[in-house]
Structures are given as structure tokens and as C-alpha cells.
Amino acid sequence: MALKHVGVREMRSYLSRHIAGNDIIAIERHGHLLGFYIPIRRASEAEQETLLRRADEAFARLRAEAGMSEDEIAAMLDLSLPDEQQDVIIPAGGSRDALDAR
């Protein structure tokens, strides 16, 4: 998978072509990153359910091992926040080692 940079107008104009490909697309407006389109491989409904269940289980393990809430993890991963707001606050009883080990 390659990373392509496209503007909003191009993404809208050629949406069907872009989503048919396998490239990760960085969508920009006036040179500023708005977000990403990340394609996934096509899976049957049963495979999708399995993948979602596995992702949910992995996220639950991360929350338990790190002792963090969903909101704290989301803030840590939110690249739109200033760096000082992305710092992880580990609650009492939690361990940053659990995050660093992943």
C-alpha cells in the first residue's frame, strides 16, 4: 500500500476510482491534512464480525492493562490535539509500561 496525497476536490471528483484502489489516501484542503482514507480488504460478514470482536477484545485488554479510560486513550491518539494535551495521564494503579510494551 502506498500513501497518496489528494485534495478534497480531487477526492470528490474521482471517489469511485480512489476507493477501488488499495492506497492509503491523505486528504488535504489547501495543503492542510484533513484525514485519511484507509482501505480494508473485503471480507465476508462472518469475517467482519470476527475482526470487530478481536479488535474489541484487544482494546479491552489495552484499557485493562494500561488502567486508562476510553477517553484517555482516544485523547492520546488524537493527532488534532496540541502535543501537551496528548500526554498520557496514567491513573493510580495503571502502568505506562503496559502501553510501552505494545
Protein backbone atom coordinates (compact mmCIF):
# COMPACT_ATOMS: atom_id res chain seq x y z
CA MET A 1 0.00 0.00 0.00
CA ALA A 2 1.30 3.39 -0.96
CA LEU A 3 0.39 6.75 0.54
CA LYS A 4 -1.20 9.21 -1.87
CA HIS A 5 -1.96 12.86 -1.15
CA VAL A 6 -5.11 14.26 -2.79
CA GLY A 7 -7.14 17.40 -2.38
CA VAL A 8 -10.77 17.39 -1.34
CA ARG A 9 -11.94 18.36 -4.81
CA GLU A 10 -9.97 15.55 -6.46
CA MET A 11 -11.18 13.03 -3.88
CA ARG A 12 -14.78 14.03 -4.52
CA SER A 13 -14.39 14.04 -8.31
CA TYR A 14 -12.68 10.65 -8.50
CA LEU A 15 -14.11 8.98 -5.41
CA SER A 16 -15.04 5.70 -7.08
CA ARG A 17 -11.53 5.35 -8.55
CA HIS A 18 -9.85 6.16 -5.22
CA ILE A 19 -11.92 3.76 -3.13
CA ALA A 20 -11.44 0.97 -5.66
CA GLY A 21 -7.67 1.09 -5.08
CA ASN A 22 -5.52 -0.20 -2.27
CA ASP A 23 -3.67 3.02 -1.48
CA ILE A 24 -3.94 4.92 1.79
CA ILE A 25 -5.06 8.43 0.89
CA ALA A 26 -4.17 11.57 2.83
CA ILE A 27 -6.98 14.04 2.11
CA GLU A 28 -5.94 17.69 2.20
CA ARG A 29 -7.53 21.10 1.83
CA HIS A 30 -5.21 23.94 0.82
CA GLY A 31 -2.21 21.87 1.91
CA HIS A 32 -3.63 21.08 5.36
CA LEU A 33 -4.30 17.47 6.26
CA LEU A 34 -7.98 16.75 6.93
CA GLY A 35 -7.85 13.00 7.37
CA PHE A 36 -7.06 9.65 5.87
CA TYR A 37 -8.92 7.08 3.83
CA ILE A 38 -7.58 3.65 4.74
CA PRO A 39 -8.97 0.79 2.66
CA ILE A 40 -9.60 -2.59 4.19
CA ARG A 41 -9.68 -5.86 2.34
CA ARG A 42 -13.09 -7.18 1.52
CA ALA A 43 -14.34 -9.72 3.99
CA SER A 44 -17.46 -11.77 4.40
CA GLU A 45 -19.96 -10.72 7.06
CA ALA A 46 -18.71 -13.51 9.32
CA GLU A 47 -15.10 -12.38 8.87
CA GLN A 48 -16.10 -8.78 9.63
CA GLU A 49 -17.81 -9.87 12.85
CA THR A 50 -14.72 -11.85 13.86
CA LEU A 51 -12.40 -8.94 13.11
CA LEU A 52 -14.59 -6.49 15.04
CA ARG A 53 -14.79 -8.88 18.01
CA ARG A 54 -10.99 -9.31 18.01
CA ALA A 55 -10.46 -5.54 17.83
CA ASP A 56 -12.89 -5.01 20.70
CA GLU A 57 -11.14 -7.66 22.80
CA ALA A 58 -7.72 -6.12 22.07
CA PHE A 59 -8.99 -2.66 23.03
CA ALA A 60 -10.47 -4.03 26.26
CA ARG A 61 -7.10 -5.64 27.12
CA LEU A 62 -5.32 -2.34 26.40
CA ARG A 63 -7.73 -0.45 28.68
CA ALA A 64 -7.31 -3.02 31.46
CA GLU A 65 -3.50 -3.26 31.21
CA ALA A 66 -2.99 0.50 30.97
CA GLY A 67 -5.63 1.35 33.56
CA MET A 68 -6.96 4.03 31.23
CA SER A 69 -10.45 5.02 30.15
CA GLU A 70 -11.58 5.05 26.53
CA ASP A 71 -11.50 8.87 26.62
CA GLU A 72 -7.89 8.91 27.84
CA ILE A 73 -6.80 6.51 25.11
CA ALA A 74 -8.72 8.50 22.46
CA ALA A 75 -7.06 11.74 23.63
CA MET A 76 -3.66 10.07 23.43
CA LEU A 77 -4.33 9.05 19.82
CA ASP A 78 -5.98 12.32 18.73
CA LEU A 79 -3.39 13.97 16.48
CA SER A 80 -5.50 17.12 16.21
CA LEU A 81 -4.73 17.99 19.83
CA PRO A 82 -1.65 20.04 20.76
CA ASP A 83 1.25 17.88 21.96
CA GLU A 84 0.79 18.89 25.59
CA GLN A 85 -2.82 17.61 25.51
CA GLN A 86 -1.74 14.28 24.03
CA ASP A 87 0.41 13.43 27.03
CA VAL A 88 -0.95 10.36 28.70
CA ILE A 89 -2.05 10.67 32.29
CA ILE A 90 -1.76 7.27 33.90
CA PRO A 91 -4.35 6.86 36.65
CA ALA A 92 -3.40 5.42 40.04
CA GLY A 93 -2.85 1.71 39.72
CA GLY A 94 -2.17 1.96 35.98
CA SER A 95 1.16 1.50 34.30
CA ARG A 96 2.67 3.21 31.29
CA ASP A 97 4.78 0.07 30.86
CA ALA A 98 1.64 -1.68 29.65
CA LEU A 99 1.39 0.86 26.83
CA ASP A 100 5.11 0.88 26.03
CA ALA A 101 5.18 -2.91 25.81
CA ARG A 102 2.72 -2.90 22.89
